[in-house]
Amino acid sequence: MPGQSDPHALFESWLAEATALEPNDPNAMALATVDARGQPAARMVLLKGHDARGFVFYTNLESRKANDLHAAPRAGLLFHWKSLRRQVRVEGPVERVSDAEGDAYFATRGRDSQLGAWASEQSRPLESRAVFEARFADMETRFAGGDVPRPPHWSGYRVVPDRIEFWQDRAHRLHERRLFTAVPQGWTEGLMFP
């Protein structure tokens, strides 16, 4: 099949199927990081861009995940499409997206999401929900009648894959696992035992 030897094309094909068939958030992915002490952490984030350069998500640059990525700039991603009985695992170094990319994506977000990015001190203790709601109201007032610019503490990261594994469920746990590994000339592909 066309694109089968290109992991990015294969991913786009699988994502398109998931978008058509998954009931909720087909672009949801688990993001795994480690901090400076080697303590792992995982959380769900949303894929907001994908191309041959990598897989992009956005966050508060002062969040726990951003601090982890600053200390150890590598990450793992896991897409799990249960209804399709498929998974994709991505591993590789992480880089910040450009300011232009961050600005362009931020401009596509809903206004309340933009205001929330200003109001939230993500990953920090919160005394009460009322405190956050008051901060949000302050941002509504601050930006009333105008565009909401991207906060300086908010942007995106790109996971630049050096490994992409495609897992397809098969009967009797005889699954199919295809591993793509980055090499200077592109990608090598092989199978793995289930």
N, C-alpha and C. Protein backbone atom coordinates (compact mmCIF):
# COMPACT_ATOMS: atom_id res chain seq x y z
N MET A 1 0.84 -1.19 0.00
CA MET A 1 0.00 0.00 0.00
C MET A 1 0.87 1.25 0.00
N PRO A 2 0.47 2.31 -0.68
CA PRO A 2 1.26 3.53 -0.70
C PRO A 2 1.43 4.08 0.72
N GLY A 3 2.63 4.57 0.99
CA GLY A 3 2.88 5.18 2.27
C GLY A 3 3.18 4.20 3.39
N GLN A 4 3.07 2.92 3.13
CA GLN A 4 3.27 1.94 4.19
C GLN A 4 4.70 1.95 4.72
N SER A 5 5.69 2.30 3.89
CA SER A 5 7.07 2.31 4.36
C SER A 5 7.47 3.66 4.96
N ASP A 6 6.58 4.63 4.94
CA ASP A 6 6.80 5.94 5.54
C ASP A 6 5.97 6.02 6.81
N PRO A 7 6.61 6.05 7.99
CA PRO A 7 5.82 6.02 9.22
C PRO A 7 4.91 7.23 9.37
N HIS A 8 5.30 8.38 8.83
CA HIS A 8 4.44 9.56 8.94
C HIS A 8 3.18 9.40 8.09
N ALA A 9 3.32 8.85 6.90
CA ALA A 9 2.15 8.61 6.05
C ALA A 9 1.25 7.55 6.68
N LEU A 10 1.86 6.50 7.23
CA LEU A 10 1.08 5.46 7.89
C LEU A 10 0.35 6.04 9.10
N PHE A 11 1.03 6.89 9.88
CA PHE A 11 0.36 7.52 11.01
C PHE A 11 -0.83 8.36 10.55
N GLU A 12 -0.64 9.16 9.51
CA GLU A 12 -1.75 9.98 9.01
C GLU A 12 -2.94 9.11 8.58
N SER A 13 -2.66 7.97 7.98
CA SER A 13 -3.72 7.05 7.58
C SER A 13 -4.46 6.51 8.80
N TRP A 14 -3.71 6.09 9.80
CA TRP A 14 -4.34 5.56 11.03
C TRP A 14 -5.10 6.67 11.76
N LEU A 15 -4.54 7.87 11.82
CA LEU A 15 -5.22 8.98 12.48
C LEU A 15 -6.51 9.33 11.76
N ALA A 16 -6.51 9.28 10.43
CA ALA A 16 -7.73 9.57 9.67
C ALA A 16 -8.81 8.54 10.00
N GLU A 17 -8.43 7.27 10.09
CA GLU A 17 -9.41 6.24 10.48
C GLU A 17 -9.92 6.49 11.90
N ALA A 18 -9.02 6.83 12.81
CA ALA A 18 -9.43 7.10 14.18
C ALA A 18 -10.35 8.31 14.24
N THR A 19 -10.05 9.34 13.45
CA THR A 19 -10.89 10.54 13.43
C THR A 19 -12.31 10.20 12.97
N ALA A 20 -12.42 9.27 12.04
CA ALA A 20 -13.73 8.86 11.54
C ALA A 20 -14.48 7.94 12.50
N LEU A 21 -13.74 7.16 13.31
CA LEU A 21 -14.39 6.09 14.07
C LEU A 21 -14.31 6.21 15.59
N GLU A 22 -13.32 6.90 16.12
CA GLU A 22 -13.20 7.02 17.57
C GLU A 22 -14.26 7.99 18.09
N PRO A 23 -14.98 7.62 19.15
CA PRO A 23 -16.05 8.50 19.62
C PRO A 23 -15.56 9.78 20.30
N ASN A 24 -14.39 9.76 20.91
CA ASN A 24 -13.90 10.94 21.64
C ASN A 24 -12.41 11.15 21.43
N ASP A 25 -12.04 12.37 21.13
CA ASP A 25 -10.65 12.80 21.08
C ASP A 25 -9.69 11.83 20.39
N PRO A 26 -9.84 11.59 19.11
CA PRO A 26 -8.92 10.70 18.42
C PRO A 26 -7.48 11.22 18.42
N ASN A 27 -7.31 12.52 18.71
CA ASN A 27 -5.97 13.11 18.76
C ASN A 27 -5.38 13.10 20.18
N ALA A 28 -6.06 12.42 21.13
CA ALA A 28 -5.53 12.32 22.49
C ALA A 28 -4.34 11.38 22.52
N MET A 29 -3.33 11.77 23.29
CA MET A 29 -2.13 10.93 23.40
C MET A 29 -1.57 11.06 24.81
N ALA A 30 -1.05 9.96 25.31
CA ALA A 30 -0.35 10.00 26.59
C ALA A 30 1.05 10.54 26.32
N LEU A 31 1.46 11.50 27.14
CA LEU A 31 2.80 12.08 27.05
C LEU A 31 3.57 11.64 28.28
N ALA A 32 4.70 10.97 28.08
CA ALA A 32 5.54 10.54 29.19
C ALA A 32 6.83 11.34 29.18
N THR A 33 7.19 11.84 30.38
CA THR A 33 8.41 12.60 30.56
C THR A 33 9.11 12.09 31.82
N VAL A 34 10.33 12.55 32.03
CA VAL A 34 11.02 12.32 33.30
C VAL A 34 11.58 13.65 33.77
N ASP A 35 11.64 13.81 35.10
CA ASP A 35 12.20 15.05 35.64
C ASP A 35 13.71 14.91 35.83
N ALA A 36 14.34 15.91 36.42
CA ALA A 36 15.79 15.92 36.60
C ALA A 36 16.27 14.77 37.49
N ARG A 37 15.39 14.25 38.36
CA ARG A 37 15.74 13.13 39.23
C ARG A 37 15.47 11.78 38.57
N GLY A 38 14.89 11.80 37.37
CA GLY A 38 14.54 10.55 36.69
C GLY A 38 13.16 10.04 37.05
N GLN A 39 12.36 10.84 37.76
CA GLN A 39 10.99 10.44 38.15
C GLN A 39 10.08 10.56 36.93
N PRO A 40 9.48 9.44 36.49
CA PRO A 40 8.60 9.53 35.32
C PRO A 40 7.23 10.10 35.67
N ALA A 41 6.61 10.69 34.68
CA ALA A 41 5.24 11.20 34.80
C ALA A 41 4.57 11.05 33.44
N ALA A 42 3.29 10.73 33.47
CA ALA A 42 2.51 10.61 32.23
C ALA A 42 1.21 11.37 32.41
N ARG A 43 0.73 11.93 31.31
CA ARG A 43 -0.55 12.64 31.31
C ARG A 43 -1.07 12.66 29.88
N MET A 44 -2.37 12.90 29.74
CA MET A 44 -2.98 12.98 28.42
C MET A 44 -2.89 14.42 27.92
N VAL A 45 -2.51 14.57 26.65
CA VAL A 45 -2.49 15.85 25.97
C VAL A 45 -3.09 15.62 24.58
N LEU A 46 -3.28 16.70 23.85
CA LEU A 46 -3.87 16.58 22.51
C LEU A 46 -2.84 16.90 21.43
N LEU A 47 -2.77 16.05 20.44
CA LEU A 47 -1.94 16.30 19.27
C LEU A 47 -2.54 17.48 18.51
N LYS A 48 -1.73 18.49 18.25
CA LYS A 48 -2.22 19.67 17.54
C LYS A 48 -1.52 19.90 16.22
N GLY A 49 -0.61 19.03 15.87
CA GLY A 49 0.06 19.14 14.59
C GLY A 49 0.93 17.92 14.37
N HIS A 50 1.01 17.49 13.12
CA HIS A 50 1.88 16.37 12.76
C HIS A 50 2.33 16.56 11.32
N ASP A 51 3.62 16.37 11.11
CA ASP A 51 4.18 16.32 9.77
C ASP A 51 5.50 15.57 9.86
N ALA A 52 6.29 15.61 8.82
CA ALA A 52 7.55 14.86 8.80
C ALA A 52 8.53 15.35 9.87
N ARG A 53 8.30 16.54 10.41
CA ARG A 53 9.19 17.06 11.47
C ARG A 53 8.87 16.47 12.82
N GLY A 54 7.61 16.03 13.04
CA GLY A 54 7.26 15.45 14.33
C GLY A 54 5.83 15.70 14.75
N PHE A 55 5.59 15.52 16.06
CA PHE A 55 4.28 15.53 16.68
C PHE A 55 4.22 16.69 17.66
N VAL A 56 3.24 17.60 17.50
CA VAL A 56 3.20 18.86 18.25
C VAL A 56 2.04 18.89 19.24
N PHE A 57 2.35 19.38 20.45
CA PHE A 57 1.33 19.68 21.46
C PHE A 57 1.69 21.02 22.09
N TYR A 58 0.72 21.62 22.77
CA TYR A 58 0.91 22.94 23.38
C TYR A 58 0.63 22.87 24.87
N THR A 59 1.30 23.77 25.62
CA THR A 59 1.14 23.76 27.07
C THR A 59 1.68 25.06 27.68
N ASN A 60 1.44 25.20 28.96
CA ASN A 60 2.04 26.27 29.74
C ASN A 60 3.52 25.91 29.93
N LEU A 61 4.40 26.83 29.62
CA LEU A 61 5.84 26.57 29.68
C LEU A 61 6.37 26.52 31.12
N GLU A 62 5.50 26.79 32.10
CA GLU A 62 5.88 26.70 33.50
C GLU A 62 5.23 25.48 34.17
N SER A 63 4.59 24.63 33.37
CA SER A 63 3.93 23.44 33.90
C SER A 63 4.94 22.36 34.27
N ARG A 64 4.47 21.35 34.96
CA ARG A 64 5.36 20.24 35.31
C ARG A 64 5.94 19.58 34.07
N LYS A 65 5.10 19.36 33.06
CA LYS A 65 5.60 18.69 31.85
C LYS A 65 6.68 19.52 31.17
N ALA A 66 6.49 20.85 31.13
CA ALA A 66 7.50 21.71 30.52
C ALA A 66 8.79 21.71 31.33
N ASN A 67 8.67 21.71 32.65
CA ASN A 67 9.87 21.64 33.49
C ASN A 67 10.60 20.32 33.26
N ASP A 68 9.84 19.23 33.15
CA ASP A 68 10.45 17.93 32.85
C ASP A 68 11.20 17.99 31.52
N LEU A 69 10.56 18.55 30.51
CA LEU A 69 11.16 18.59 29.18
C LEU A 69 12.38 19.50 29.13
N HIS A 70 12.40 20.51 29.98
CA HIS A 70 13.59 21.37 30.07
C HIS A 70 14.74 20.58 30.69
N ALA A 71 14.45 19.78 31.71
CA ALA A 71 15.49 19.01 32.40
C ALA A 71 15.98 17.83 31.58
N ALA A 72 15.05 17.19 30.89
CA ALA A 72 15.38 15.99 30.09
C ALA A 72 14.57 16.07 28.80
N PRO A 73 15.12 16.68 27.75
CA PRO A 73 14.34 16.99 26.54
C PRO A 73 14.12 15.79 25.61
N ARG A 74 13.52 14.75 26.16
CA ARG A 74 13.08 13.58 25.39
C ARG A 74 11.70 13.21 25.93
N ALA A 75 10.89 12.59 25.07
CA ALA A 75 9.55 12.21 25.51
C ALA A 75 9.08 10.97 24.78
N GLY A 76 8.06 10.36 25.35
CA GLY A 76 7.34 9.27 24.71
C GLY A 76 5.88 9.66 24.56
N LEU A 77 5.29 9.26 23.45
CA LEU A 77 3.87 9.48 23.20
C LEU A 77 3.21 8.13 22.98
N LEU A 78 1.96 8.03 23.36
CA LEU A 78 1.18 6.82 23.10
C LEU A 78 -0.22 7.22 22.65
N PHE A 79 -0.56 6.82 21.45
CA PHE A 79 -1.93 6.94 20.94
C PHE A 79 -2.58 5.58 21.12
N HIS A 80 -3.77 5.55 21.70
CA HIS A 80 -4.49 4.28 21.88
C HIS A 80 -5.90 4.46 21.33
N TRP A 81 -6.18 3.78 20.24
CA TRP A 81 -7.49 3.84 19.62
C TRP A 81 -8.17 2.50 19.86
N LYS A 82 -8.87 2.41 20.99
CA LYS A 82 -9.45 1.15 21.44
C LYS A 82 -10.42 0.56 20.44
N SER A 83 -11.28 1.39 19.86
CA SER A 83 -12.28 0.86 18.93
C SER A 83 -11.64 0.30 17.66
N LEU A 84 -10.45 0.79 17.32
CA LEU A 84 -9.73 0.28 16.15
C LEU A 84 -8.75 -0.83 16.53
N ARG A 85 -8.58 -1.02 17.84
CA ARG A 85 -7.66 -2.04 18.36
C ARG A 85 -6.24 -1.77 17.85
N ARG A 86 -5.84 -0.48 17.99
CA ARG A 86 -4.53 -0.05 17.51
C ARG A 86 -3.87 0.87 18.53
N GLN A 87 -2.54 0.87 18.49
CA GLN A 87 -1.73 1.80 19.27
C GLN A 87 -0.57 2.27 18.41
N VAL A 88 -0.13 3.49 18.68
CA VAL A 88 1.10 4.01 18.08
C VAL A 88 1.94 4.58 19.21
N ARG A 89 3.20 4.14 19.28
CA ARG A 89 4.15 4.65 20.26
C ARG A 89 5.21 5.46 19.53
N VAL A 90 5.52 6.63 20.07
CA VAL A 90 6.50 7.54 19.48
C VAL A 90 7.51 7.90 20.56
N GLU A 91 8.80 7.86 20.22
CA GLU A 91 9.84 8.26 21.16
C GLU A 91 10.85 9.14 20.44
N GLY A 92 11.37 10.14 21.16
CA GLY A 92 12.41 10.96 20.56
C GLY A 92 12.68 12.23 21.32
N PRO A 93 13.64 13.00 20.83
CA PRO A 93 13.96 14.28 21.45
C PRO A 93 12.83 15.28 21.22
N VAL A 94 12.83 16.31 22.06
CA VAL A 94 11.78 17.33 22.02
C VAL A 94 12.42 18.69 21.77
N GLU A 95 11.73 19.49 20.95
CA GLU A 95 12.17 20.86 20.71
C GLU A 95 10.97 21.79 20.80
N ARG A 96 11.21 23.03 21.14
CA ARG A 96 10.14 24.03 21.17
C ARG A 96 9.74 24.39 19.75
N VAL A 97 8.46 24.64 19.53
CA VAL A 97 8.02 25.15 18.24
C VAL A 97 8.46 26.61 18.15
N SER A 98 8.47 27.15 16.94
CA SER A 98 8.85 28.55 16.76
C SER A 98 7.75 29.45 17.34
N ASP A 99 8.13 30.71 17.62
CA ASP A 99 7.13 31.67 18.08
C ASP A 99 6.02 31.84 17.06
N ALA A 100 6.37 31.83 15.78
CA ALA A 100 5.36 31.98 14.73
C ALA A 100 4.36 30.83 14.77
N GLU A 101 4.86 29.60 14.96
CA GLU A 101 3.95 28.45 15.05
C GLU A 101 3.07 28.57 16.29
N GLY A 102 3.67 28.95 17.42
CA GLY A 102 2.90 29.11 18.65
C GLY A 102 1.82 30.16 18.50
N ASP A 103 2.18 31.30 17.90
CA ASP A 103 1.21 32.38 17.69
C ASP A 103 0.08 31.91 16.77
N ALA A 104 0.44 31.24 15.70
CA ALA A 104 -0.57 30.80 14.73
C ALA A 104 -1.55 29.82 15.36
N TYR A 105 -1.04 28.86 16.13
CA TYR A 105 -1.96 27.92 16.77
C TYR A 105 -2.81 28.62 17.83
N PHE A 106 -2.19 29.47 18.66
CA PHE A 106 -2.93 30.15 19.72
C PHE A 106 -4.10 30.94 19.15
N ALA A 107 -3.90 31.55 17.97
CA ALA A 107 -4.95 32.34 17.33
C ALA A 107 -6.16 31.50 16.93
N THR A 108 -5.98 30.17 16.78
CA THR A 108 -7.10 29.30 16.39
C THR A 108 -7.91 28.83 17.59
N ARG A 109 -7.41 29.02 18.79
CA ARG A 109 -8.11 28.55 20.00
C ARG A 109 -9.33 29.43 20.27
N GLY A 110 -10.32 28.84 20.92
CA GLY A 110 -11.48 29.62 21.34
C GLY A 110 -11.06 30.69 22.33
N ARG A 111 -11.80 31.77 22.37
CA ARG A 111 -11.45 32.90 23.25
C ARG A 111 -11.33 32.47 24.71
N ASP A 112 -12.26 31.66 25.21
CA ASP A 112 -12.18 31.23 26.61
C ASP A 112 -10.91 30.41 26.86
N SER A 113 -10.51 29.59 25.90
CA SER A 113 -9.26 28.83 26.04
C SER A 113 -8.06 29.77 26.05
N GLN A 114 -8.12 30.81 25.23
CA GLN A 114 -7.03 31.80 25.23
C GLN A 114 -6.95 32.50 26.58
N LEU A 115 -8.10 32.92 27.10
CA LEU A 115 -8.13 33.60 28.40
C LEU A 115 -7.67 32.66 29.51
N GLY A 116 -8.06 31.39 29.41
CA GLY A 116 -7.64 30.40 30.40
C GLY A 116 -6.14 30.22 30.44
N ALA A 117 -5.49 30.34 29.28
CA ALA A 117 -4.03 30.22 29.24
C ALA A 117 -3.38 31.36 30.02
N TRP A 118 -3.98 32.53 30.01
CA TRP A 118 -3.48 33.66 30.79
C TRP A 118 -3.80 33.48 32.28
N ALA A 119 -4.97 32.95 32.59
CA ALA A 119 -5.43 32.87 33.97
C ALA A 119 -4.80 31.74 34.77
N SER A 120 -4.39 30.68 34.11
CA SER A 120 -3.92 29.48 34.81
C SER A 120 -2.43 29.53 35.14
N GLU A 121 -2.10 29.17 36.34
CA GLU A 121 -0.72 28.91 36.74
C GLU A 121 -0.58 27.38 36.78
N GLN A 122 -0.65 26.76 35.63
CA GLN A 122 -0.75 25.32 35.48
C GLN A 122 0.27 24.57 36.34
N SER A 123 -0.22 23.53 36.99
CA SER A 123 0.57 22.61 37.82
C SER A 123 0.94 23.19 39.19
N ARG A 124 0.52 24.40 39.49
CA ARG A 124 0.79 24.98 40.81
C ARG A 124 -0.42 24.78 41.71
N PRO A 125 -0.22 24.76 43.03
CA PRO A 125 -1.35 24.60 43.95
C PRO A 125 -2.38 25.73 43.77
N LEU A 126 -3.65 25.39 43.92
CA LEU A 126 -4.76 26.33 43.78
C LEU A 126 -5.57 26.29 45.06
N GLU A 127 -5.69 27.44 45.69
CA GLU A 127 -6.40 27.54 46.97
C GLU A 127 -7.86 27.12 46.84
N SER A 128 -8.52 27.57 45.79
CA SER A 128 -9.93 27.21 45.58
C SER A 128 -10.29 27.48 44.12
N ARG A 129 -11.35 26.87 43.66
CA ARG A 129 -11.83 27.10 42.30
C ARG A 129 -12.19 28.57 42.11
N ALA A 130 -12.68 29.20 43.17
CA ALA A 130 -13.07 30.62 43.11
C ALA A 130 -11.88 31.50 42.73
N VAL A 131 -10.70 31.16 43.20
CA VAL A 131 -9.50 31.94 42.86
C VAL A 131 -9.25 31.89 41.36
N PHE A 132 -9.34 30.68 40.78
CA PHE A 132 -9.13 30.55 39.34
C PHE A 132 -10.22 31.30 38.57
N GLU A 133 -11.47 31.17 39.00
CA GLU A 133 -12.56 31.87 38.31
C GLU A 133 -12.39 33.38 38.38
N ALA A 134 -11.87 33.89 39.50
CA ALA A 134 -11.62 35.33 39.62
C ALA A 134 -10.49 35.75 38.68
N ARG A 135 -9.44 34.94 38.57
CA ARG A 135 -8.34 35.25 37.65
C ARG A 135 -8.86 35.25 36.20
N PHE A 136 -9.74 34.29 35.88
CA PHE A 136 -10.32 34.23 34.54
C PHE A 136 -11.14 35.51 34.27
N ALA A 137 -11.95 35.92 35.24
CA ALA A 137 -12.74 37.15 35.09
C ALA A 137 -11.83 38.36 34.89
N ASP A 138 -10.72 38.40 35.61
CA ASP A 138 -9.76 39.50 35.43
C ASP A 138 -9.22 39.53 34.00
N MET A 139 -8.97 38.36 33.43
CA MET A 139 -8.46 38.30 32.05
C MET A 139 -9.54 38.74 31.05
N GLU A 140 -10.80 38.38 31.34
CA GLU A 140 -11.89 38.86 30.48
C GLU A 140 -11.91 40.38 30.45
N THR A 141 -11.73 40.99 31.60
CA THR A 141 -11.71 42.45 31.69
C THR A 141 -10.47 43.02 30.99
N ARG A 142 -9.33 42.41 31.25
CA ARG A 142 -8.07 42.90 30.69
C ARG A 142 -8.09 42.92 29.16
N PHE A 143 -8.68 41.88 28.55
CA PHE A 143 -8.65 41.77 27.09
C PHE A 143 -10.00 42.09 26.45
N ALA A 144 -10.91 42.71 27.18
CA ALA A 144 -12.23 43.04 26.64
C ALA A 144 -12.10 43.89 25.39
N GLY A 145 -12.84 43.50 24.35
CA GLY A 145 -12.88 44.29 23.14
C GLY A 145 -11.69 44.13 22.21
N GLY A 146 -10.77 43.25 22.54
CA GLY A 146 -9.60 43.09 21.68
C GLY A 146 -9.19 41.64 21.53
N ASP A 147 -8.20 41.42 20.70
CA ASP A 147 -7.65 40.08 20.54
C ASP A 147 -6.88 39.69 21.80
N VAL A 148 -6.79 38.38 22.01
CA VAL A 148 -6.01 37.86 23.14
C VAL A 148 -4.70 37.34 22.57
N PRO A 149 -3.58 37.97 22.89
CA PRO A 149 -2.29 37.50 22.38
C PRO A 149 -1.83 36.25 23.12
N ARG A 150 -0.92 35.53 22.51
CA ARG A 150 -0.35 34.35 23.18
C ARG A 150 0.48 34.81 24.37
N PRO A 151 0.24 34.21 25.55
CA PRO A 151 1.06 34.58 26.71
C PRO A 151 2.52 34.17 26.49
N PRO A 152 3.46 34.90 27.07
CA PRO A 152 4.87 34.54 26.90
C PRO A 152 5.21 33.20 27.55
N HIS A 153 4.37 32.74 28.48
CA HIS A 153 4.62 31.48 29.19
C HIS A 153 3.85 30.31 28.56
N TRP A 154 3.44 30.43 27.32
CA TRP A 154 2.62 29.40 26.69
C TRP A 154 3.11 29.17 25.26
N SER A 155 3.38 27.92 24.91
CA SER A 155 3.81 27.61 23.55
C SER A 155 3.70 26.10 23.33
N GLY A 156 4.43 25.63 22.34
CA GLY A 156 4.32 24.22 21.99
C GLY A 156 5.66 23.52 21.95
N TYR A 157 5.55 22.20 21.94
CA TYR A 157 6.71 21.32 21.80
C TYR A 157 6.47 20.36 20.65
N ARG A 158 7.55 19.99 20.02
CA ARG A 158 7.51 19.01 18.95
C ARG A 158 8.36 17.81 19.37
N VAL A 159 7.75 16.63 19.39
CA VAL A 159 8.50 15.41 19.61
C VAL A 159 9.01 14.97 18.23
N VAL A 160 10.33 14.95 18.09
CA VAL A 160 10.98 14.59 16.83
C VAL A 160 11.30 13.10 16.93
N PRO A 161 10.54 12.26 16.26
CA PRO A 161 10.65 10.83 16.53
C PRO A 161 11.94 10.20 16.01
N ASP A 162 12.51 9.35 16.86
CA ASP A 162 13.56 8.47 16.36
C ASP A 162 13.09 7.03 16.37
N ARG A 163 11.93 6.79 16.98
CA ARG A 163 11.27 5.47 16.95
C ARG A 163 9.76 5.68 16.87
N ILE A 164 9.11 4.95 15.97
CA ILE A 164 7.65 4.94 15.88
C ILE A 164 7.22 3.49 15.74
N GLU A 165 6.40 3.04 16.67
CA GLU A 165 5.92 1.66 16.63
C GLU A 165 4.41 1.64 16.41
N PHE A 166 3.99 0.83 15.45
CA PHE A 166 2.57 0.64 15.14
C PHE A 166 2.16 -0.74 15.64
N TRP A 167 1.17 -0.78 16.50
CA TRP A 167 0.70 -2.03 17.12
C TRP A 167 -0.73 -2.27 16.68
N GLN A 168 -0.98 -3.46 16.13
CA GLN A 168 -2.32 -3.84 15.69
C GLN A 168 -2.72 -5.11 16.44
N ASP A 169 -3.86 -5.06 17.11
CA ASP A 169 -4.37 -6.22 17.84
C ASP A 169 -4.70 -7.35 16.87
N ARG A 170 -4.38 -8.55 17.26
CA ARG A 170 -4.72 -9.75 16.48
C ARG A 170 -5.29 -10.80 17.42
N ALA A 171 -6.00 -11.75 16.88
CA ALA A 171 -6.62 -12.81 17.68
C ALA A 171 -5.56 -13.57 18.45
N HIS A 172 -5.95 -14.05 19.62
CA HIS A 172 -5.11 -14.91 20.46
C HIS A 172 -3.82 -14.22 20.91
N ARG A 173 -3.86 -12.88 20.97
CA ARG A 173 -2.71 -12.08 21.39
C ARG A 173 -1.50 -12.25 20.46
N LEU A 174 -1.77 -12.61 19.20
CA LEU A 174 -0.73 -12.74 18.19
C LEU A 174 -0.62 -11.42 17.42
N HIS A 175 -0.39 -10.36 18.17
CA HIS A 175 -0.43 -9.00 17.63
C HIS A 175 0.66 -8.76 16.58
N GLU A 176 0.42 -7.70 15.81
CA GLU A 176 1.42 -7.27 14.83
C GLU A 176 2.06 -5.98 15.34
N ARG A 177 3.39 -5.96 15.37
CA ARG A 177 4.14 -4.78 15.81
C ARG A 177 5.16 -4.42 14.74
N ARG A 178 5.02 -3.22 14.19
CA ARG A 178 5.95 -2.70 13.18
C ARG A 178 6.73 -1.57 13.79
N LEU A 179 8.05 -1.66 13.76
CA LEU A 179 8.90 -0.64 14.34
C LEU A 179 9.67 0.08 13.25
N PHE A 180 9.54 1.41 13.25
CA PHE A 180 10.31 2.27 12.36
C PHE A 180 11.36 2.98 13.20
N THR A 181 12.60 2.94 12.75
CA THR A 181 13.72 3.57 13.46
C THR A 181 14.38 4.57 12.52
N ALA A 182 14.58 5.79 13.02
CA ALA A 182 15.20 6.84 12.20
C ALA A 182 16.67 6.52 11.97
N VAL A 183 17.10 6.71 10.74
CA VAL A 183 18.50 6.58 10.34
C VAL A 183 18.81 7.80 9.47
N PRO A 184 20.09 8.10 9.24
CA PRO A 184 20.41 9.31 8.46
C PRO A 184 19.71 9.37 7.09
N GLN A 185 19.46 8.23 6.47
CA GLN A 185 18.84 8.23 5.14
C GLN A 185 17.31 8.20 5.20
N GLY A 186 16.72 8.20 6.37
CA GLY A 186 15.26 8.13 6.48
C GLY A 186 14.83 7.21 7.60
N TRP A 187 14.28 6.06 7.23
CA TRP A 187 13.74 5.13 8.23
C TRP A 187 14.09 3.69 7.85
N THR A 188 14.33 2.89 8.88
CA THR A 188 14.38 1.44 8.67
C THR A 188 13.12 0.87 9.31
N GLU A 189 12.67 -0.24 8.78
CA GLU A 189 11.45 -0.85 9.29
C GLU A 189 11.71 -2.32 9.60
N GLY A 190 11.11 -2.78 10.69
CA GLY A 190 11.19 -4.17 11.06
C GLY A 190 9.99 -4.58 11.87
N LEU A 191 9.84 -5.87 12.06
CA LEU A 191 8.76 -6.40 12.89
C LEU A 191 9.32 -6.75 14.27
N MET A 192 8.45 -6.78 15.25
CA MET A 192 8.82 -7.18 16.60
C MET A 192 7.89 -8.29 17.07
N PHE A 193 8.41 -9.19 17.88
CA PHE A 193 7.53 -10.21 18.46
C PHE A 193 6.47 -9.53 19.30
N PRO A 194 5.25 -10.08 19.31
CA PRO A 194 4.20 -9.50 20.14
C PRO A 194 4.44 -9.74 21.62
